């Protein structure tokens, strides 16, 4: 969902920059953009909290077995980096493909 909103925002700015005859972005467009982005970020935060609670038992078990907390933090950073490495370029590709037919 975050990728879809980011892709739509990127496509909107690409189309806005290339079309010189389009009107300026008005206050309702800005309000809509902020509302959609805010709801998306709230959904992302909720999903992150739920994922943290789902892994709480596993994390507690690893800590009881003596796993260092730095290892748990580095595993979380590795997961976040893998998600960003996969979905970052994918979002840009989808945004470019979505804006491509409208820029010609």
PDB file of N, CA and C in Angstrom:
ATOM      1  N   UNK A   1       0.813  -1.174   0.000  1.00  0.00           N
ATOM      2  CA  UNK A   1       0.000   0.000   0.000  1.00  0.00           C
ATOM      3  C   UNK A   1       0.868   1.253   0.000  1.00  0.00           C
ATOM      4  N   UNK A   2       1.937   1.227   0.750  1.00  0.00           N
ATOM      5  CA  UNK A   2       2.844   2.365   0.777  1.00  0.00           C
ATOM      6  C   UNK A   2       3.475   2.560  -0.594  1.00  0.00           C
ATOM      7  N   UNK A   3       3.817   1.464  -1.247  1.00  0.00           N
ATOM      8  CA  UNK A   3       4.406   1.558  -2.585  1.00  0.00           C
ATOM      9  C   UNK A   3       3.410   2.139  -3.576  1.00  0.00           C
ATOM     10  N   UNK A   4       2.148   1.792  -3.461  1.00  0.00           N
ATOM     11  CA  UNK A   4       1.139   2.335  -4.375  1.00  0.00           C
ATOM     12  C   UNK A   4       0.976   3.834  -4.185  1.00  0.00           C
ATOM     13  N   UNK A   5       0.963   4.297  -2.946  1.00  0.00           N
ATOM     14  CA  UNK A   5       0.841   5.735  -2.696  1.00  0.00           C
ATOM     15  C   UNK A   5       2.095   6.468  -3.165  1.00  0.00           C
ATOM     16  N   UNK A   6       3.254   5.905  -2.883  1.00  0.00           N
ATOM     17  CA  UNK A   6       4.495   6.531  -3.340  1.00  0.00           C
ATOM     18  C   UNK A   6       4.569   6.561  -4.860  1.00  0.00           C
ATOM     19  N   UNK A   7       4.128   5.486  -5.492  1.00  0.00           N
ATOM     20  CA  UNK A   7       4.120   5.430  -6.948  1.00  0.00           C
ATOM     21  C   UNK A   7       3.164   6.467  -7.540  1.00  0.00           C
ATOM     22  N   UNK A   8       1.978   6.592  -6.957  1.00  0.00           N
ATOM     23  CA  UNK A   8       1.025   7.591  -7.434  1.00  0.00           C
ATOM     24  C   UNK A   8       1.523   9.010  -7.238  1.00  0.00           C
ATOM     25  N   UNK A   9       2.166   9.273  -6.108  1.00  0.00           N
ATOM     26  CA  UNK A   9       2.719  10.600  -5.850  1.00  0.00           C
ATOM     27  C   UNK A   9       3.835  10.927  -6.824  1.00  0.00           C
ATOM     28  N   UNK A  10       4.694   9.963  -7.084  1.00  0.00           N
ATOM     29  CA  UNK A  10       5.783  10.164  -8.038  1.00  0.00           C
ATOM     30  C   UNK A  10       5.228  10.418  -9.439  1.00  0.00           C
ATOM     31  N   UNK A  11       4.234   9.641  -9.835  1.00  0.00           N
ATOM     32  CA  UNK A  11       3.627   9.838 -11.155  1.00  0.00           C
ATOM     33  C   UNK A  11       2.953  11.201 -11.248  1.00  0.00           C
ATOM     34  N   UNK A  12       2.299  11.630 -10.162  1.00  0.00           N
ATOM     35  CA  UNK A  12       1.639  12.935 -10.164  1.00  0.00           C
ATOM     36  C   UNK A  12       2.658  14.062 -10.321  1.00  0.00           C
ATOM     37  N   UNK A  13       3.766  13.984  -9.600  1.00  0.00           N
ATOM     38  CA  UNK A  13       4.773  15.036  -9.709  1.00  0.00           C
ATOM     39  C   UNK A  13       5.460  15.005 -11.066  1.00  0.00           C
ATOM     40  N   UNK A  14       5.644  13.809 -11.625  1.00  0.00           N
ATOM     41  CA  UNK A  14       6.233  13.716 -12.958  1.00  0.00           C
ATOM     42  C   UNK A  14       5.324  14.343 -13.997  1.00  0.00           C
ATOM     43  N   UNK A  15       4.044  14.050 -13.910  1.00  0.00           N
ATOM     44  CA  UNK A  15       3.103  14.628 -14.862  1.00  0.00           C
ATOM     45  C   UNK A  15       2.944  16.126 -14.645  1.00  0.00           C
ATOM     46  N   UNK A  16       2.990  16.565 -13.407  1.00  0.00           N
ATOM     47  CA  UNK A  16       2.841  17.990 -13.120  1.00  0.00           C
ATOM     48  C   UNK A  16       4.044  18.768 -13.642  1.00  0.00           C
ATOM     49  N   UNK A  17       5.236  18.202 -13.546  1.00  0.00           N
ATOM     50  CA  UNK A  17       6.435  18.887 -14.006  1.00  0.00           C
ATOM     51  C   UNK A  17       6.522  18.940 -15.525  1.00  0.00           C
ATOM     52  N   UNK A  18       6.005  17.917 -16.224  1.00  0.00           N
ATOM     53  CA  UNK A  18       6.145  17.869 -17.673  1.00  0.00           C
ATOM     54  C   UNK A  18       5.062  18.650 -18.400  1.00  0.00           C
ATOM     55  N   UNK A  19       3.910  18.831 -17.803  1.00  0.00           N
ATOM     56  CA  UNK A  19       2.811  19.532 -18.469  1.00  0.00           C
ATOM     57  C   UNK A  19       2.801  20.992 -18.021  1.00  0.00           C
ATOM     58  N   UNK A  20       3.132  21.897 -18.950  1.00  0.00           N
ATOM     59  CA  UNK A  20       3.208  23.313 -18.615  1.00  0.00           C
ATOM     60  C   UNK A  20       1.830  23.964 -18.572  1.00  0.00           C
ATOM     61  N   UNK A  21       0.823  23.331 -19.164  1.00  0.00           N
ATOM     62  CA  UNK A  21      -0.494  23.946 -19.240  1.00  0.00           C
ATOM     63  C   UNK A  21      -1.416  23.534 -18.101  1.00  0.00           C
ATOM     64  N   UNK A  22      -0.986  22.636 -17.259  1.00  0.00           N
ATOM     65  CA  UNK A  22      -1.850  22.198 -16.163  1.00  0.00           C
ATOM     66  C   UNK A  22      -1.887  23.261 -15.080  1.00  0.00           C
ATOM     67  N   UNK A  23      -3.018  23.412 -14.412  1.00  0.00           N
ATOM     68  CA  UNK A  23      -3.094  24.400 -13.334  1.00  0.00           C
ATOM     69  C   UNK A  23      -2.268  23.969 -12.132  1.00  0.00           C
ATOM     70  N   UNK A  24      -2.034  24.915 -11.253  1.00  0.00           N
ATOM     71  CA  UNK A  24      -1.284  24.621 -10.035  1.00  0.00           C
ATOM     72  C   UNK A  24      -2.062  23.648  -9.152  1.00  0.00           C
ATOM     73  N   UNK A  25      -1.331  22.987  -8.293  1.00  0.00           N
ATOM     74  CA  UNK A  25      -1.977  22.071  -7.351  1.00  0.00           C
ATOM     75  C   UNK A  25      -2.689  22.915  -6.304  1.00  0.00           C
ATOM     76  N   UNK A  26      -3.971  22.692  -6.153  1.00  0.00           N
ATOM     77  CA  UNK A  26      -4.781  23.501  -5.255  1.00  0.00           C
ATOM     78  C   UNK A  26      -4.814  22.955  -3.845  1.00  0.00           C
ATOM     79  N   UNK A  27      -5.560  23.628  -2.985  1.00  0.00           N
ATOM     80  CA  UNK A  27      -5.610  23.208  -1.584  1.00  0.00           C
ATOM     81  C   UNK A  27      -6.337  21.875  -1.383  1.00  0.00           C
ATOM     82  N   UNK A  28      -7.334  21.573  -2.211  1.00  0.00           N
ATOM     83  CA  UNK A  28      -8.026  20.285  -2.057  1.00  0.00           C
ATOM     84  C   UNK A  28      -7.138  19.121  -2.488  1.00  0.00           C
ATOM     85  N   UNK A  29      -6.331  19.343  -3.524  1.00  0.00           N
ATOM     86  CA  UNK A  29      -5.386  18.308  -3.939  1.00  0.00           C
ATOM     87  C   UNK A  29      -4.359  18.063  -2.841  1.00  0.00           C
ATOM     88  N   UNK A  30      -3.886  19.142  -2.245  1.00  0.00           N
ATOM     89  CA  UNK A  30      -2.917  19.010  -1.155  1.00  0.00           C
ATOM     90  C   UNK A  30      -3.545  18.305   0.042  1.00  0.00           C
ATOM     91  N   UNK A  31      -4.777  18.674   0.372  1.00  0.00           N
ATOM     92  CA  UNK A  31      -5.471  18.013   1.478  1.00  0.00           C
ATOM     93  C   UNK A  31      -5.665  16.528   1.204  1.00  0.00           C
ATOM     94  N   UNK A  32      -6.076  16.185  -0.007  1.00  0.00           N
ATOM     95  CA  UNK A  32      -6.250  14.782  -0.370  1.00  0.00           C
ATOM     96  C   UNK A  32      -4.948  14.013  -0.313  1.00  0.00           C
ATOM     97  N   UNK A  33      -3.881  14.632  -0.797  1.00  0.00           N
ATOM     98  CA  UNK A  33      -2.565  13.986  -0.763  1.00  0.00           C
ATOM     99  C   UNK A  33      -2.119  13.752   0.677  1.00  0.00           C
ATOM    100  N   UNK A  34      -2.303  14.753   1.534  1.00  0.00           N
ATOM    101  CA  UNK A  34      -1.925  14.592   2.936  1.00  0.00           C
ATOM    102  C   UNK A  34      -2.780  13.544   3.640  1.00  0.00           C
ATOM    103  N   UNK A  35      -4.062  13.490   3.317  1.00  0.00           N
ATOM    104  CA  UNK A  35      -4.951  12.503   3.931  1.00  0.00           C
ATOM    105  C   UNK A  35      -4.573  11.079   3.533  1.00  0.00           C
ATOM    106  N   UNK A  36      -4.349  10.871   2.252  1.00  0.00           N
ATOM    107  CA  UNK A  36      -3.981   9.532   1.775  1.00  0.00           C
ATOM    108  C   UNK A  36      -2.626   9.120   2.331  1.00  0.00           C
ATOM    109  N   UNK A  37      -1.672  10.032   2.315  1.00  0.00           N
ATOM    110  CA  UNK A  37      -0.341   9.714   2.830  1.00  0.00           C
ATOM    111  C   UNK A  37      -0.387   9.471   4.340  1.00  0.00           C
ATOM    112  N   UNK A  38      -1.137  10.284   5.068  1.00  0.00           N
ATOM    113  CA  UNK A  38      -1.250  10.094   6.514  1.00  0.00           C
ATOM    114  C   UNK A  38      -1.884   8.764   6.874  1.00  0.00           C
ATOM    115  N   UNK A  39      -2.959   8.408   6.165  1.00  0.00           N
ATOM    116  CA  UNK A  39      -3.607   7.115   6.433  1.00  0.00           C
ATOM    117  C   UNK A  39      -2.685   5.951   6.091  1.00  0.00           C
ATOM    118  N   UNK A  40      -1.921   6.100   5.028  1.00  0.00           N
ATOM    119  CA  UNK A  40      -0.987   5.042   4.642  1.00  0.00           C
ATOM    120  C   UNK A  40       0.099   4.871   5.697  1.00  0.00           C
ATOM    121  N   UNK A  41       0.644   5.975   6.181  1.00  0.00           N
ATOM    122  CA  UNK A  41       1.677   5.885   7.211  1.00  0.00           C
ATOM    123  C   UNK A  41       1.120   5.347   8.525  1.00  0.00           C
ATOM    124  N   UNK A  42      -0.122   5.700   8.846  1.00  0.00           N
ATOM    125  CA  UNK A  42      -0.743   5.139  10.050  1.00  0.00           C
ATOM    126  C   UNK A  42      -0.944   3.630   9.911  1.00  0.00           C
ATOM    127  N   UNK A  43      -1.328   3.183   8.729  1.00  0.00           N
ATOM    128  CA  UNK A  43      -1.472   1.742   8.484  1.00  0.00           C
ATOM    129  C   UNK A  43      -0.129   1.040   8.596  1.00  0.00           C
ATOM    130  N   UNK A  44       0.914   1.671   8.068  1.00  0.00           N
ATOM    131  CA  UNK A  44       2.255   1.104   8.166  1.00  0.00           C
ATOM    132  C   UNK A  44       2.707   1.000   9.616  1.00  0.00           C
ATOM    133  N   UNK A  45       2.442   2.028  10.403  1.00  0.00           N
ATOM    134  CA  UNK A  45       2.817   1.997  11.820  1.00  0.00           C
ATOM    135  C   UNK A  45       2.042   0.920  12.573  1.00  0.00           C
ATOM    136  N   UNK A  46       0.761   0.780  12.270  1.00  0.00           N
ATOM    137  CA  UNK A  46      -0.043  -0.260  12.913  1.00  0.00           C
ATOM    138  C   UNK A  46       0.478  -1.648  12.561  1.00  0.00           C
ATOM    139  N   UNK A  47       0.818  -1.852  11.308  1.00  0.00           N
ATOM    140  CA  UNK A  47       1.358  -3.150  10.888  1.00  0.00           C
ATOM    141  C   UNK A  47       2.695  -3.429  11.556  1.00  0.00           C
ATOM    142  N   UNK A  48       3.522  -2.402  11.728  1.00  0.00           N
ATOM    143  CA  UNK A  48       4.812  -2.592  12.393  1.00  0.00           C
ATOM    144  C   UNK A  48       4.630  -2.979  13.856  1.00  0.00           C
ATOM    145  N   UNK A  49       3.682  -2.357  14.535  1.00  0.00           N
ATOM    146  CA  UNK A  49       3.421  -2.695  15.935  1.00  0.00           C
ATOM    147  C   UNK A  49       2.878  -4.115  16.052  1.00  0.00           C
ATOM    148  N   UNK A  50       1.978  -4.488  15.157  1.00  0.00           N
ATOM    149  CA  UNK A  50       1.438  -5.851  15.184  1.00  0.00           C
ATOM    150  C   UNK A  50       2.527  -6.883  14.914  1.00  0.00           C
ATOM    151  N   UNK A  51       3.433  -6.577  13.976  1.00  0.00           N
ATOM    152  CA  UNK A  51       4.531  -7.506  13.689  1.00  0.00           C
ATOM    153  C   UNK A  51       5.466  -7.628  14.883  1.00  0.00           C
ATOM    154  N   UNK A  52       5.695  -6.517  15.574  1.00  0.00           N
ATOM    155  CA  UNK A  52       6.555  -6.563  16.760  1.00  0.00           C
ATOM    156  C   UNK A  52       5.929  -7.422  17.849  1.00  0.00           C
ATOM    157  N   UNK A  53       4.624  -7.281  18.040  1.00  0.00           N
ATOM    158  CA  UNK A  53       3.935  -8.099  19.050  1.00  0.00           C
ATOM    159  C   UNK A  53       3.887  -9.573  18.633  1.00  0.00           C
ATOM    160  N   UNK A  54       3.808  -9.833  17.355  1.00  0.00           N
ATOM    161  CA  UNK A  54       3.779 -11.223  16.895  1.00  0.00           C
ATOM    162  C   UNK A  54       5.129 -11.908  17.116  1.00  0.00           C
ATOM    163  N   UNK A  55       6.214 -11.130  17.062  1.00  0.00           N
ATOM    164  CA  UNK A  55       7.543 -11.697  17.269  1.00  0.00           C
ATOM    165  C   UNK A  55       7.997 -11.622  18.719  1.00  0.00           C
ATOM    166  N   UNK A  56       7.167 -11.120  19.605  1.00  0.00           N
ATOM    167  CA  UNK A  56       7.585 -10.919  21.005  1.00  0.00           C
ATOM    168  C   UNK A  56       7.970 -12.229  21.681  1.00  0.00           C
ATOM    169  N   UNK A  57       7.203 -13.287  21.461  1.00  0.00           N
ATOM    170  CA  UNK A  57       7.522 -14.577  22.090  1.00  0.00           C
ATOM    171  C   UNK A  57       8.841 -15.133  21.568  1.00  0.00           C
ATOM    172  N   UNK A  58       9.054 -15.012  20.269  1.00  0.00           N
ATOM    173  CA  UNK A  58      10.301 -15.500  19.674  1.00  0.00           C
ATOM    174  C   UNK A  58      11.493 -14.707  20.193  1.00  0.00           C
ATOM    175  N   UNK A  59      11.323 -13.390  20.272  1.00  0.00           N
ATOM    176  CA  UNK A  59      12.404 -12.543  20.786  1.00  0.00           C
ATOM    177  C   UNK A  59      12.714 -12.878  22.237  1.00  0.00           C
ATOM    178  N   UNK A  60      11.690 -13.081  23.032  1.00  0.00           N
ATOM    179  CA  UNK A  60      11.908 -13.439  24.435  1.00  0.00           C
ATOM    180  C   UNK A  60      12.619 -14.781  24.557  1.00  0.00           C
ATOM    181  N   UNK A  61      12.244 -15.734  23.725  1.00  0.00           N
ATOM    182  CA  UNK A  61      12.903 -17.044  23.757  1.00  0.00           C
ATOM    183  C   UNK A  61      14.369 -16.925  23.356  1.00  0.00           C
ATOM    184  N   UNK A  62      14.654 -16.120  22.343  1.00  0.00           N
ATOM    185  CA  UNK A  62      16.048 -15.937  21.930  1.00  0.00           C
ATOM    186  C   UNK A  62      16.863 -15.253  23.024  1.00  0.00           C
ATOM    187  N   UNK A  63      16.262 -14.300  23.701  1.00  0.00           N
ATOM    188  CA  UNK A  63      16.974 -13.639  24.798  1.00  0.00           C
ATOM    189  C   UNK A  63      17.220 -14.598  25.964  1.00  0.00           C
ATOM    190  N   UNK A  64      16.266 -15.492  26.239  1.00  0.00           N
ATOM    191  CA  UNK A  64      16.470 -16.489  27.311  1.00  0.00           C
ATOM    192  C   UNK A  64      17.580 -17.460  26.947  1.00  0.00           C
ATOM    193  N   UNK A  65      17.732 -17.737  25.642  1.00  0.00           N
ATOM    194  CA  UNK A  65      18.799 -18.641  25.214  1.00  0.00           C
ATOM    195  C   UNK A  65      20.153 -17.963  25.172  1.00  0.00           C
ATOM    196  N   UNK A  66      20.178 -16.648  25.376  1.00  0.00           N
ATOM    197  CA  UNK A  66      21.455 -15.949  25.449  1.00  0.00           C
ATOM    198  C   UNK A  66      21.845 -15.210  24.192  1.00  0.00           C
ATOM    199  N   UNK A  67      20.916 -14.967  23.288  1.00  0.00           N
ATOM    200  CA  UNK A  67      21.240 -14.220  22.079  1.00  0.00           C
ATOM    201  C   UNK A  67      21.489 -12.750  22.441  1.00  0.00           C
ATOM    202  N   UNK A  68      22.558 -12.178  21.920  1.00  0.00           N
ATOM    203  CA  UNK A  68      22.823 -10.773  22.237  1.00  0.00           C
ATOM    204  C   UNK A  68      21.786  -9.852  21.576  1.00  0.00           C
ATOM    205  N   UNK A  69      21.492  -8.755  22.245  1.00  0.00           N
ATOM    206  CA  UNK A  69      20.491  -7.826  21.704  1.00  0.00           C
ATOM    207  C   UNK A  69      20.971  -7.166  20.424  1.00  0.00           C
ATOM    208  N   UNK A  70      22.285  -7.049  20.256  1.00  0.00           N
ATOM    209  CA  UNK A  70      22.801  -6.463  19.009  1.00  0.00           C
ATOM    210  C   UNK A  70      22.473  -7.352  17.816  1.00  0.00           C
ATOM    211  N   UNK A  71      22.452  -8.661  18.039  1.00  0.00           N
ATOM    212  CA  UNK A  71      22.091  -9.566  16.957  1.00  0.00           C
ATOM    213  C   UNK A  71      20.625  -9.388  16.576  1.00  0.00           C
ATOM    214  N   UNK A  72      19.767  -9.217  17.570  1.00  0.00           N
ATOM    215  CA  UNK A  72      18.348  -9.015  17.283  1.00  0.00           C
ATOM    216  C   UNK A  72      18.120  -7.696  16.549  1.00  0.00           C
ATOM    217  N   UNK A  73      18.849  -6.664  16.949  1.00  0.00           N
ATOM    218  CA  UNK A  73      18.729  -5.374  16.260  1.00  0.00           C
ATOM    219  C   UNK A  73      19.254  -5.446  14.838  1.00  0.00           C
ATOM    220  N   UNK A  74      20.358  -6.152  14.653  1.00  0.00           N
ATOM    221  CA  UNK A  74      20.901  -6.264  13.298  1.00  0.00           C
ATOM    222  C   UNK A  74      19.992  -7.112  12.410  1.00  0.00           C
ATOM    223  N   UNK A  75      19.311  -8.083  12.987  1.00  0.00           N
ATOM    224  CA  UNK A  75      18.351  -8.868  12.197  1.00  0.00           C
ATOM    225  C   UNK A  75      17.175  -8.003  11.767  1.00  0.00           C
ATOM    226  N   UNK A  76      16.712  -7.127  12.661  1.00  0.00           N
ATOM    227  CA  UNK A  76      15.622  -6.208  12.305  1.00  0.00           C
ATOM    228  C   UNK A  76      16.079  -5.224  11.236  1.00  0.00           C
ATOM    229  N   UNK A  77      17.307  -4.734  11.346  1.00  0.00           N
ATOM    230  CA  UNK A  77      17.837  -3.821  10.324  1.00  0.00           C
ATOM    231  C   UNK A  77      18.000  -4.531   8.984  1.00  0.00           C
ATOM    232  N   UNK A  78      18.399  -5.796   9.019  1.00  0.00           N
ATOM    233  CA  UNK A  78      18.528  -6.570   7.788  1.00  0.00           C
ATOM    234  C   UNK A  78      17.175  -6.775   7.117  1.00  0.00           C
ATOM    235  N   UNK A  79      16.145  -7.058   7.914  1.00  0.00           N
ATOM    236  CA  UNK A  79      14.795  -7.206   7.351  1.00  0.00           C
ATOM    237  C   UNK A  79      14.320  -5.903   6.716  1.00  0.00           C
ATOM    238  N   UNK A  80      14.528  -4.788   7.415  1.00  0.00           N
ATOM    239  CA  UNK A  80      14.106  -3.495   6.879  1.00  0.00           C
ATOM    240  C   UNK A  80      14.885  -3.147   5.613  1.00  0.00           C
ATOM    241  N   UNK A  81      16.169  -3.413   5.610  1.00  0.00           N
ATOM    242  CA  UNK A  81      16.981  -3.139   4.424  1.00  0.00           C
ATOM    243  C   UNK A  81      16.572  -3.990   3.238  1.00  0.00           C
ATOM    244  N   UNK A  82      16.232  -5.245   3.489  1.00  0.00           N
ATOM    245  CA  UNK A  82      15.798  -6.124   2.396  1.00  0.00           C
ATOM    246  C   UNK A  82      14.482  -5.652   1.802  1.00  0.00           C
ATOM    247  N   UNK A  83      13.568  -5.217   2.661  1.00  0.00           N
ATOM    248  CA  UNK A  83      12.278  -4.709   2.159  1.00  0.00           C
ATOM    249  C   UNK A  83      12.493  -3.452   1.326  1.00  0.00           C
ATOM    250  N   UNK A  84      13.322  -2.533   1.816  1.00  0.00           N
ATOM    251  CA  UNK A  84      13.587  -1.307   1.065  1.00  0.00           C
ATOM    252  C   UNK A  84      14.330  -1.584  -0.235  1.00  0.00           C
ATOM    253  N   UNK A  85      15.273  -2.525  -0.211  1.00  0.00           N
ATOM    254  CA  UNK A  85      16.017  -2.848  -1.424  1.00  0.00           C
ATOM    255  C   UNK A  85      15.125  -3.483  -2.480  1.00  0.00           C
ATOM    256  N   UNK A  86      14.110  -4.203  -2.059  1.00  0.00           N
ATOM    257  CA  UNK A  86      13.205  -4.833  -3.017  1.00  0.00           C
ATOM    258  C   UNK A  86      12.137  -3.872  -3.506  1.00  0.00           C
ATOM    259  N   UNK A  87      11.465  -3.201  -2.566  1.00  0.00           N
ATOM    260  CA  UNK A  87      10.310  -2.401  -2.951  1.00  0.00           C
ATOM    261  C   UNK A  87      10.647  -0.983  -3.390  1.00  0.00           C
ATOM    262  N   UNK A  88      11.815  -0.466  -3.058  1.00  0.00           N
ATOM    263  CA  UNK A  88      12.203   0.871  -3.516  1.00  0.00           C
ATOM    264  C   UNK A  88      12.288   0.958  -5.036  1.00  0.00           C
ATOM    265  N   UNK A  89      13.138   0.140  -5.660  1.00  0.00           N
ATOM    266  CA  UNK A  89      13.212   0.174  -7.126  1.00  0.00           C
ATOM    267  C   UNK A  89      11.909  -0.263  -7.797  1.00  0.00           C
ATOM    268  N   UNK A  90      11.211  -1.207  -7.199  1.00  0.00           N
ATOM    269  CA  UNK A  90       9.937  -1.646  -7.764  1.00  0.00           C
ATOM    270  C   UNK A  90       8.932  -0.496  -7.791  1.00  0.00           C
ATOM    271  N   UNK A  91       8.907   0.310  -6.746  1.00  0.00           N
ATOM    272  CA  UNK A  91       8.011   1.463  -6.703  1.00  0.00           C
ATOM    273  C   UNK A  91       8.353   2.463  -7.793  1.00  0.00           C
ATOM    274  N   UNK A  92       9.630   2.739  -7.981  1.00  0.00           N
ATOM    275  CA  UNK A  92      10.028   3.680  -9.023  1.00  0.00           C
ATOM    276  C   UNK A  92       9.708   3.159 -10.421  1.00  0.00           C
ATOM    277  N   UNK A  93       9.884   1.870 -10.641  1.00  0.00           N
ATOM    278  CA  UNK A  93       9.571   1.288 -11.946  1.00  0.00           C
ATOM    279  C   UNK A  93       8.079   1.381 -12.237  1.00  0.00           C
ATOM    280  N   UNK A  94       7.259   1.048 -11.258  1.00  0.00           N
ATOM    281  CA  UNK A  94       5.809   1.124 -11.443  1.00  0.00           C
ATOM    282  C   UNK A  94       5.378   2.570 -11.671  1.00  0.00           C
ATOM    283  N   UNK A  95       5.971   3.508 -10.952  1.00  0.00           N
ATOM    284  CA  UNK A  95       5.623   4.919 -11.122  1.00  0.00           C
ATOM    285  C   UNK A  95       5.995   5.414 -12.511  1.00  0.00           C
ATOM    286  N   UNK A  96       7.166   5.052 -12.982  1.00  0.00           N
ATOM    287  CA  UNK A  96       7.575   5.456 -14.331  1.00  0.00           C
ATOM    288  C   UNK A  96       6.663   4.848 -15.385  1.00  0.00           C
ATOM    289  N   UNK A  97       6.320   3.585 -15.223  1.00  0.00           N
ATOM    290  CA  UNK A  97       5.428   2.945 -16.194  1.00  0.00           C
ATOM    291  C   UNK A  97       4.018   3.526 -16.136  1.00  0.00           C
ATOM    292  N   UNK A  98       3.574   3.947 -14.952  1.00  0.00           N
ATOM    293  CA  UNK A  98       2.237   4.537 -14.845  1.00  0.00           C
ATOM    294  C   UNK A  98       2.186   5.916 -15.476  1.00  0.00           C
ATOM    295  N   UNK A  99       3.264   6.680 -15.389  1.00  0.00           N
ATOM    296  CA  UNK A  99       3.278   8.024 -15.942  1.00  0.00           C
ATOM    297  C   UNK A  99       3.672   8.054 -17.410  1.00  0.00           C
ATOM    298  N   UNK A 100       4.267   7.012 -17.906  1.00  0.00           N
ATOM    299  CA  UNK A 100       4.779   6.995 -19.280  1.00  0.00           C
ATOM    300  C   UNK A 100       3.725   7.254 -20.341  1.00  0.00           C
ATOM    301  N   UNK A 101       2.569   6.586 -20.348  1.00  0.00           N
ATOM    302  CA  UNK A 101       1.588   6.853 -21.401  1.00  0.00           C
ATOM    303  C   UNK A 101       1.004   8.270 -21.349  1.00  0.00           C
ATOM    304  N   UNK A 102       0.992   8.880 -20.194  1.00  0.00           N
ATOM    305  CA  UNK A 102       0.381  10.194 -20.048  1.00  0.00           C
ATOM    306  C   UNK A 102       1.315  11.335 -20.386  1.00  0.00           C
ATOM    307  N   UNK A 103       2.611  11.068 -20.523  1.00  0.00           N
ATOM    308  CA  UNK A 103       3.572  12.126 -20.839  1.00  0.00           C
ATOM    309  C   UNK A 103       3.778  12.281 -22.332  1.00  0.00           C
ATOM    310  N   UNK A 104       3.235  11.421 -23.144  1.00  0.00           N
ATOM    311  CA  UNK A 104       3.432  11.517 -24.598  1.00  0.00           C
ATOM    312  C   UNK A 104       2.329  12.281 -25.255  1.00  0.00           C
TER     313      UNK A 104
END
